[in-house]
PDB file of N, CA and C in Angstrom:
ATOM      1  N   MET A   1       1.889  23.244  17.722  1.00  0.00           N
ATOM      2  CA  MET A   1       2.271  22.886  16.410  1.00  0.00           C
ATOM      3  C   MET A   1       1.248  22.652  15.436  1.00  0.00           C
ATOM      4  N   SER A   2       1.300  23.095  14.233  1.00  0.00           N
ATOM      5  CA  SER A   2       0.149  23.003  13.213  1.00  0.00           C
ATOM      6  C   SER A   2       0.535  21.490  12.607  1.00  0.00           C
ATOM      7  N   LYS A   3      -0.639  21.097  11.946  1.00  0.00           N
ATOM      8  CA  LYS A   3      -0.695  19.861  11.563  1.00  0.00           C
ATOM      9  C   LYS A   3       0.097  19.867  10.200  1.00  0.00           C
ATOM     10  N   PRO A   4       0.825  18.633   9.764  1.00  0.00           N
ATOM     11  CA  PRO A   4       1.661  18.459   8.711  1.00  0.00           C
ATOM     12  C   PRO A   4       0.719  18.218   7.526  1.00  0.00           C
ATOM     13  N   ALA A   5       1.040  18.319   6.444  1.00  0.00           N
ATOM     14  CA  ALA A   5       0.358  17.923   5.314  1.00  0.00           C
ATOM     15  C   ALA A   5       0.613  16.463   4.863  1.00  0.00           C
ATOM     16  N   VAL A   6      -0.371  15.721   4.521  1.00  0.00           N
ATOM     17  CA  VAL A   6      -0.014  14.429   3.998  1.00  0.00           C
ATOM     18  C   VAL A   6       0.894  14.520   2.979  1.00  0.00           C
ATOM     19  N   ALA A   7       0.658  15.187   1.820  1.00  0.00           N
ATOM     20  CA  ALA A   7       1.523  15.177   0.827  1.00  0.00           C
ATOM     21  C   ALA A   7       3.018  15.479   0.981  1.00  0.00           C
ATOM     22  N   GLU A   8       3.309  16.313   1.921  1.00  0.00           N
ATOM     23  CA  GLU A   8       4.512  16.551   2.630  1.00  0.00           C
ATOM     24  C   GLU A   8       5.294  15.389   3.217  1.00  0.00           C
ATOM     25  N   LEU A   9       4.571  14.712   4.057  1.00  0.00           N
ATOM     26  CA  LEU A   9       4.963  13.550   4.696  1.00  0.00           C
ATOM     27  C   LEU A   9       5.116  12.391   3.840  1.00  0.00           C
ATOM     28  N   MET A  10       4.437  12.369   2.795  1.00  0.00           N
ATOM     29  CA  MET A  10       4.693  11.127   1.833  1.00  0.00           C
ATOM     30  C   MET A  10       5.862  11.507   0.892  1.00  0.00           C
ATOM     31  N   ALA A  11       6.085  12.756   0.481  1.00  0.00           N
ATOM     32  CA  ALA A  11       7.227  13.216  -0.209  1.00  0.00           C
ATOM     33  C   ALA A  11       8.429  12.893   0.667  1.00  0.00           C
ATOM     34  N   GLU A  12       8.510  13.126   1.760  1.00  0.00           N
ATOM     35  CA  GLU A  12       9.600  12.896   2.673  1.00  0.00           C
ATOM     36  C   GLU A  12       9.850  11.362   2.800  1.00  0.00           C
ATOM     37  N   ALA A  13       8.755  10.724   2.989  1.00  0.00           N
ATOM     38  CA  ALA A  13       8.890   9.264   3.307  1.00  0.00           C
ATOM     39  C   ALA A  13       9.385   8.447   2.004  1.00  0.00           C
ATOM     40  N   PHE A  14       8.944   8.838   0.968  1.00  0.00           N
ATOM     41  CA  PHE A  14       9.277   8.280  -0.436  1.00  0.00           C
ATOM     42  C   PHE A  14      10.158   8.988  -1.360  1.00  0.00           C
ATOM     43  N   THR A  15      11.321   9.412  -0.876  1.00  0.00           N
ATOM     44  CA  THR A  15      12.199  10.086  -1.737  1.00  0.00           C
ATOM     45  C   THR A  15      12.702   9.361  -2.979  1.00  0.00           C
ATOM     46  N   SER A  16      13.307  10.012  -3.786  1.00  0.00           N
ATOM     47  CA  SER A  16      13.859   9.197  -4.891  1.00  0.00           C
ATOM     48  C   SER A  16      14.860   8.260  -4.819  1.00  0.00           C
ATOM     49  N   GLY A  17      15.582   8.414  -3.718  1.00  0.00           N
ATOM     50  CA  GLY A  17      16.691   7.531  -3.283  1.00  0.00           C
ATOM     51  C   GLY A  17      16.470   6.351  -2.534  1.00  0.00           C
ATOM     52  N   ARG A  18      15.076   6.234  -2.336  1.00  0.00           N
ATOM     53  CA  ARG A  18      14.733   5.007  -1.498  1.00  0.00           C
ATOM     54  C   ARG A  18      14.364   3.807  -2.549  1.00  0.00           C
ATOM     55  N   ASP A  19      14.494   2.722  -1.771  1.00  0.00           N
ATOM     56  CA  ASP A  19      14.043   1.484  -2.544  1.00  0.00           C
ATOM     57  C   ASP A  19      12.483   1.503  -2.915  1.00  0.00           C
ATOM     58  N   PRO A  20      12.190   1.312  -4.050  1.00  0.00           N
ATOM     59  CA  PRO A  20      10.750   1.393  -4.672  1.00  0.00           C
ATOM     60  C   PRO A  20       9.808   0.543  -3.762  1.00  0.00           C
ATOM     61  N   ARG A  21       8.569   1.018  -3.527  1.00  0.00           N
ATOM     62  CA  ARG A  21       7.512   0.235  -2.834  1.00  0.00           C
ATOM     63  C   ARG A  21       6.266   0.114  -3.834  1.00  0.00           C
ATOM     64  N   SER A  22       5.416  -0.905  -3.768  1.00  0.00           N
ATOM     65  CA  SER A  22       4.200  -1.085  -4.509  1.00  0.00           C
ATOM     66  C   SER A  22       3.191   0.111  -4.133  1.00  0.00           C
ATOM     67  N   ALA A  23       2.432   0.332  -5.242  1.00  0.00           N
ATOM     68  CA  ALA A  23       1.439   1.013  -4.875  1.00  0.00           C
ATOM     69  C   ALA A  23       0.435   0.928  -3.781  1.00  0.00           C
ATOM     70  N   GLU A  24       0.235  -0.585  -3.695  1.00  0.00           N
ATOM     71  CA  GLU A  24      -0.536  -0.855  -2.274  1.00  0.00           C
ATOM     72  C   GLU A  24       0.085  -0.473  -1.004  1.00  0.00           C
ATOM     73  N   TYR A  25       1.533  -0.650  -0.970  1.00  0.00           N
ATOM     74  CA  TYR A  25       2.109  -0.289   0.206  1.00  0.00           C
ATOM     75  C   TYR A  25       2.076   1.367   0.537  1.00  0.00           C
ATOM     76  N   ILE A  26       2.207   1.951  -0.449  1.00  0.00           N
ATOM     77  CA  ILE A  26       2.286   3.486  -0.423  1.00  0.00           C
ATOM     78  C   ILE A  26       0.866   3.901  -0.022  1.00  0.00           C
ATOM     79  N   ALA A  27      -0.111   3.312  -0.742  1.00  0.00           N
ATOM     80  CA  ALA A  27      -1.475   3.473  -0.162  1.00  0.00           C
ATOM     81  C   ALA A  27      -1.839   3.233   1.227  1.00  0.00           C
ATOM     82  N   GLY A  28      -1.131   2.388   1.654  1.00  0.00           N
ATOM     83  CA  GLY A  28      -1.510   1.885   3.059  1.00  0.00           C
ATOM     84  C   GLY A  28      -0.754   2.932   4.028  1.00  0.00           C
ATOM     85  N   VAL A  29       0.354   3.365   3.841  1.00  0.00           N
ATOM     86  CA  VAL A  29       1.129   4.536   4.399  1.00  0.00           C
ATOM     87  C   VAL A  29       0.161   5.531   4.536  1.00  0.00           C
ATOM     88  N   ARG A  30      -0.362   6.109   3.109  1.00  0.00           N
ATOM     89  CA  ARG A  30      -1.286   7.341   3.200  1.00  0.00           C
ATOM     90  C   ARG A  30      -2.362   7.034   4.000  1.00  0.00           C
ATOM     91  N   SER A  31      -3.052   5.760   3.758  1.00  0.00           N
ATOM     92  CA  SER A  31      -4.373   5.755   4.666  1.00  0.00           C
ATOM     93  C   SER A  31      -4.081   6.019   6.122  1.00  0.00           C
ATOM     94  N   ILE A  32      -3.034   5.708   6.824  1.00  0.00           N
ATOM     95  CA  ILE A  32      -2.710   6.203   8.286  1.00  0.00           C
ATOM     96  C   ILE A  32      -2.600   7.517   8.386  1.00  0.00           C
ATOM     97  N   LEU A  33      -1.647   8.090   7.375  1.00  0.00           N
ATOM     98  CA  LEU A  33      -1.517   9.435   7.585  1.00  0.00           C
ATOM     99  C   LEU A  33      -2.544  10.300   7.326  1.00  0.00           C
ATOM    100  N   GLU A  34      -3.745   9.953   6.538  1.00  0.00           N
ATOM    101  CA  GLU A  34      -4.923  10.565   6.271  1.00  0.00           C
ATOM    102  C   GLU A  34      -5.799  10.550   7.247  1.00  0.00           C
ATOM    103  N   ASN A  35      -5.796   9.283   8.014  1.00  0.00           N
ATOM    104  CA  ASN A  35      -6.631   9.032   9.076  1.00  0.00           C
ATOM    105  C   ASN A  35      -6.197  10.061  10.554  1.00  0.00           C
ATOM    106  N   CYS A  36      -4.923   9.825  10.598  1.00  0.00           N
ATOM    107  CA  CYS A  36      -4.270  10.625  11.754  1.00  0.00           C
ATOM    108  C   CYS A  36      -4.381  12.198  11.692  1.00  0.00           C
ATOM    109  N   ILE A  37      -4.201  12.542  10.319  1.00  0.00           N
ATOM    110  CA  ILE A  37      -4.015  14.094  10.270  1.00  0.00           C
ATOM    111  C   ILE A  37      -5.526  14.784   9.941  1.00  0.00           C
ATOM    112  N   GLU A  38      -6.104  14.094   9.065  1.00  0.00           N
ATOM    113  CA  GLU A  38      -7.529  14.420   8.418  1.00  0.00           C
ATOM    114  C   GLU A  38      -8.877  13.901   8.853  1.00  0.00           C
ATOM    115  N   GLY A  39      -8.552  12.763   9.586  1.00  0.00           N
ATOM    116  CA  GLY A  39      -9.680  12.218  10.216  1.00  0.00           C
ATOM    117  C   GLY A  39     -10.334  11.052   9.178  1.00  0.00           C
ATOM    118  N   ALA A  40      -9.700  10.749   8.224  1.00  0.00           N
ATOM    119  CA  ALA A  40     -10.220  10.190   7.064  1.00  0.00           C
ATOM    120  C   ALA A  40     -10.676   8.672   7.528  1.00  0.00           C
ATOM    121  N   ALA A  41     -11.599   7.971   7.235  1.00  0.00           N
ATOM    122  CA  ALA A  41     -11.743   6.753   7.479  1.00  0.00           C
ATOM    123  C   ALA A  41     -10.767   5.870   6.697  1.00  0.00           C
ATOM    124  N   ILE A  42     -10.572   4.559   7.406  1.00  0.00           N
ATOM    125  CA  ILE A  42      -9.536   3.611   6.661  1.00  0.00           C
ATOM    126  C   ILE A  42     -10.407   2.457   6.282  1.00  0.00           C
ATOM    127  N   VAL A  43     -10.311   2.371   4.937  1.00  0.00           N
ATOM    128  CA  VAL A  43     -10.994   1.245   4.294  1.00  0.00           C
ATOM    129  C   VAL A  43      -9.899   0.235   3.771  1.00  0.00           C
ATOM    130  N   LEU A  44     -10.025  -0.965   3.988  1.00  0.00           N
ATOM    131  CA  LEU A  44      -9.018  -1.888   3.264  1.00  0.00           C
ATOM    132  C   LEU A  44      -9.711  -2.263   1.853  1.00  0.00           C
ATOM    133  N   PRO A  45      -8.871  -1.621   0.848  1.00  0.00           N
ATOM    134  CA  PRO A  45      -9.450  -2.037  -0.663  1.00  0.00           C
ATOM    135  C   PRO A  45      -9.225  -3.349  -1.057  1.00  0.00           C
ATOM    136  N   TYR A  46      -8.624  -4.119  -0.281  1.00  0.00           N
ATOM    137  CA  TYR A  46      -8.106  -5.380  -1.080  1.00  0.00           C
ATOM    138  C   TYR A  46      -8.602  -6.691   0.039  1.00  0.00           C
ATOM    139  N   ALA A  47      -8.801  -7.614  -0.745  1.00  0.00           N
ATOM    140  CA  ALA A  47      -9.221  -8.815   0.109  1.00  0.00           C
ATOM    141  C   ALA A  47      -8.389  -9.407   1.042  1.00  0.00           C
ATOM    142  N   LEU A  48      -8.766  -9.609   2.379  1.00  0.00           N
ATOM    143  CA  LEU A  48      -7.602 -10.287   2.988  1.00  0.00           C
ATOM    144  C   LEU A  48      -7.003 -11.535   2.584  1.00  0.00           C
ATOM    145  N   GLY A  49      -5.710 -11.786   2.739  1.00  0.00           N
ATOM    146  CA  GLY A  49      -5.113 -13.026   2.149  1.00  0.00           C
ATOM    147  C   GLY A  49      -4.571 -12.726   0.981  1.00  0.00           C
ATOM    148  N   THR A  50      -4.699 -11.656   0.265  1.00  0.00           N
ATOM    149  CA  THR A  50      -3.939 -11.361  -1.028  1.00  0.00           C
ATOM    150  C   THR A  50      -2.528 -10.630  -0.832  1.00  0.00           C
ATOM    151  N   THR A  51      -1.778 -10.672  -1.622  1.00  0.00           N
ATOM    152  CA  THR A  51      -0.461  -9.969  -1.660  1.00  0.00           C
ATOM    153  C   THR A  51      -0.878  -8.629  -1.595  1.00  0.00           C
ATOM    154  N   GLN A  52      -1.705  -8.079  -2.270  1.00  0.00           N
ATOM    155  CA  GLN A  52      -2.181  -6.543  -2.251  1.00  0.00           C
ATOM    156  C   GLN A  52      -2.407  -6.266  -0.798  1.00  0.00           C
ATOM    157  N   ALA A  53      -3.416  -6.746  -0.156  1.00  0.00           N
ATOM    158  CA  ALA A  53      -3.930  -6.560   1.225  1.00  0.00           C
ATOM    159  C   ALA A  53      -2.594  -6.509   2.201  1.00  0.00           C
ATOM    160  N   ASP A  54      -1.585  -7.591   2.001  1.00  0.00           N
ATOM    161  CA  ASP A  54      -0.410  -7.728   2.847  1.00  0.00           C
ATOM    162  C   ASP A  54       0.378  -6.647   2.727  1.00  0.00           C
ATOM    163  N   ALA A  55       0.471  -5.926   1.428  1.00  0.00           N
ATOM    164  CA  ALA A  55       1.326  -4.824   1.111  1.00  0.00           C
ATOM    165  C   ALA A  55       0.720  -3.547   1.748  1.00  0.00           C
ATOM    166  N   PHE A  56      -0.578  -3.467   1.522  1.00  0.00           N
ATOM    167  CA  PHE A  56      -1.132  -2.290   2.329  1.00  0.00           C
ATOM    168  C   PHE A  56      -1.236  -2.377   3.629  1.00  0.00           C
ATOM    169  N   LEU A  57      -1.418  -3.407   4.400  1.00  0.00           N
ATOM    170  CA  LEU A  57      -1.203  -3.490   5.970  1.00  0.00           C
ATOM    171  C   LEU A  57       0.250  -3.188   6.309  1.00  0.00           C
ATOM    172  N   ALA A  58       1.206  -3.865   5.520  1.00  0.00           N
ATOM    173  CA  ALA A  58       2.529  -3.269   5.806  1.00  0.00           C
ATOM    174  C   ALA A  58       2.864  -1.990   5.688  1.00  0.00           C
ATOM    175  N   GLY A  59       2.254  -1.191   4.560  1.00  0.00           N
ATOM    176  CA  GLY A  59       2.289   0.170   4.563  1.00  0.00           C
ATOM    177  C   GLY A  59       1.949   1.083   5.598  1.00  0.00           C
ATOM    178  N   GLN A  60       0.723   0.395   6.308  1.00  0.00           N
ATOM    179  CA  GLN A  60      -0.052   0.975   7.359  1.00  0.00           C
ATOM    180  C   GLN A  60       0.971   0.944   8.545  1.00  0.00           C
ATOM    181  N   GLU A  61       1.823   0.017   8.820  1.00  0.00           N
ATOM    182  CA  GLU A  61       2.697  -0.110   9.881  1.00  0.00           C
ATOM    183  C   GLU A  61       3.711   1.011   9.652  1.00  0.00           C
ATOM    184  N   GLU A  62       4.227   1.200   8.556  1.00  0.00           N
ATOM    185  CA  GLU A  62       5.172   2.266   8.384  1.00  0.00           C
ATOM    186  C   GLU A  62       4.425   3.646   8.550  1.00  0.00           C
ATOM    187  N   GLY A  63       3.156   3.859   8.262  1.00  0.00           N
ATOM    188  CA  GLY A  63       2.586   5.047   8.542  1.00  0.00           C
ATOM    189  C   GLY A  63       2.443   5.427   9.919  1.00  0.00           C
ATOM    190  N   ARG A  64       2.259   4.229  10.657  1.00  0.00           N
ATOM    191  CA  ARG A  64       1.950   4.495  12.152  1.00  0.00           C
ATOM    192  C   ARG A  64       3.446   4.788  12.766  1.00  0.00           C
ATOM    193  N   VAL A  65       4.448   4.320  12.176  1.00  0.00           N
ATOM    194  CA  VAL A  65       5.833   4.748  12.595  1.00  0.00           C
ATOM    195  C   VAL A  65       6.174   6.199  12.183  1.00  0.00           C
ATOM    196  N   ILE A  66       5.823   6.571  11.256  1.00  0.00           N
ATOM    197  CA  ILE A  66       5.889   8.095  10.801  1.00  0.00           C
ATOM    198  C   ILE A  66       5.043   8.819  11.659  1.00  0.00           C
ATOM    199  N   TRP A  67       3.824   8.615  11.910  1.00  0.00           N
ATOM    200  CA  TRP A  67       3.037   9.314  12.825  1.00  0.00           C
ATOM    201  C   TRP A  67       3.854   9.405  14.374  1.00  0.00           C
ATOM    202  N   ARG A  68       4.073   8.266  14.811  1.00  0.00           N
ATOM    203  CA  ARG A  68       4.643   8.294  16.081  1.00  0.00           C
ATOM    204  C   ARG A  68       5.896   9.089  16.242  1.00  0.00           C
ATOM    205  N   GLU A  69       6.852   8.838  15.342  1.00  0.00           N
ATOM    206  CA  GLU A  69       7.872   9.801  15.302  1.00  0.00           C
ATOM    207  C   GLU A  69       7.605  11.357  15.245  1.00  0.00           C
ATOM    208  N   LEU A  70       6.568  11.776  14.517  1.00  0.00           N
ATOM    209  CA  LEU A  70       6.349  13.114  14.267  1.00  0.00           C
ATOM    210  C   LEU A  70       5.577  13.596  15.504  1.00  0.00           C
ATOM    211  N   ARG A  71       4.933  12.837  16.220  1.00  0.00           N
ATOM    212  CA  ARG A  71       4.284  13.250  17.520  1.00  0.00           C
ATOM    213  C   ARG A  71       5.295  13.410  18.615  1.00  0.00           C
ATOM    214  N   GLN A  72       6.547  12.803  18.563  1.00  0.00           N
ATOM    215  CA  GLN A  72       7.605  12.677  19.490  1.00  0.00           C
ATOM    216  C   GLN A  72       8.416  14.162  19.360  1.00  0.00           C
ATOM    217  N   ASP A  73       8.332  14.755  18.234  1.00  0.00           N
ATOM    218  CA  ASP A  73       9.153  15.932  17.885  1.00  0.00           C
ATOM    219  C   ASP A  73       8.645  17.161  18.809  1.00  0.00           C
TER     220      ASP A  73
END
Protein backbone atom coordinates (compact mmCIF):
# COMPACT_ATOMS: atom_id res chain seq x y z
CA MET A 1 0.00 0.00 0.00
CA SER A 2 1.39 3.38 -0.94
CA LYS A 3 1.51 6.20 1.57
CA PRO A 4 -1.47 8.53 1.39
CA ALA A 5 -0.88 12.23 0.90
CA VAL A 6 -1.50 14.44 3.90
CA ALA A 7 -3.36 16.94 1.71
CA GLU A 8 -5.73 14.24 0.48
CA LEU A 9 -6.51 13.03 3.99
CA MET A 10 -7.04 16.59 5.22
CA ALA A 11 -9.40 17.36 2.33
CA GLU A 12 -11.36 14.20 3.08
CA ALA A 13 -11.52 14.94 6.81
CA PHE A 14 -12.59 18.57 6.43
CA THR A 15 -15.18 18.47 3.69
CA SER A 16 -17.37 21.49 3.05
CA GLY A 17 -20.37 19.84 4.73
CA ARG A 18 -18.60 19.36 8.05
CA ASP A 19 -19.07 21.64 11.04
CA PRO A 20 -16.26 24.22 11.07
CA ARG A 21 -13.18 23.68 13.24
CA SER A 22 -10.63 26.22 14.42
CA ALA A 23 -7.31 26.69 12.67
CA GLU A 24 -5.61 25.31 15.78
CA TYR A 25 -7.71 22.14 15.71
CA ILE A 26 -6.99 21.60 12.03
CA ALA A 27 -3.28 22.18 12.65
CA GLY A 28 -3.37 19.48 15.32
CA VAL A 29 -4.89 16.96 12.91
CA ARG A 30 -2.29 17.89 10.29
CA SER A 31 0.59 17.55 12.78
CA ILE A 32 -0.27 13.92 13.50
CA LEU A 33 -0.77 13.00 9.85
CA GLU A 34 2.51 14.69 8.86
CA ASN A 35 4.26 12.84 11.67
CA CYS A 36 2.83 9.45 10.74
CA ILE A 37 3.23 9.81 6.99
CA GLU A 38 6.27 12.04 6.57
CA GLY A 39 8.07 11.60 9.89
CA ALA A 40 7.75 15.31 10.69
CA ALA A 41 8.47 16.37 14.25
CA ILE A 42 5.49 17.40 16.35
CA VAL A 43 5.86 20.77 18.03
CA LEU A 44 3.16 22.25 20.25
CA PRO A 45 3.00 25.84 18.97
CA TYR A 46 0.85 27.08 21.86
CA ALA A 47 1.36 27.37 25.61
CA LEU A 48 -0.26 24.59 27.60
CA GLY A 49 -3.40 25.70 29.38
CA THR A 50 -4.56 27.97 26.57
CA THR A 51 -7.62 27.39 24.46
CA GLN A 52 -5.37 27.23 21.40
CA ALA A 53 -3.32 24.40 22.90
CA ASP A 54 -6.50 22.58 23.91
CA ALA A 55 -7.84 22.82 20.35
CA PHE A 56 -4.52 21.70 18.88
CA LEU A 57 -4.36 18.68 21.19
CA ALA A 58 -8.00 17.78 20.44
CA GLY A 59 -7.17 17.92 16.75
CA GLN A 60 -4.28 15.56 17.35
CA GLU A 61 -6.72 13.03 18.77
CA GLU A 62 -8.73 13.14 15.55
CA GLY A 63 -5.51 12.80 13.57
CA ARG A 64 -4.71 9.62 15.49
CA VAL A 65 -8.19 8.26 14.76
CA ILE A 66 -7.79 8.99 11.05
CA TRP A 67 -4.40 7.27 11.02
CA ARG A 68 -5.66 4.18 12.92
CA GLU A 69 -8.63 3.82 10.57
CA LEU A 70 -6.36 4.15 7.56
CA ARG A 71 -4.04 1.47 8.88
CA GLN A 72 -6.96 -0.95 9.37
CA ASP A 73 -7.96 -0.81 5.70
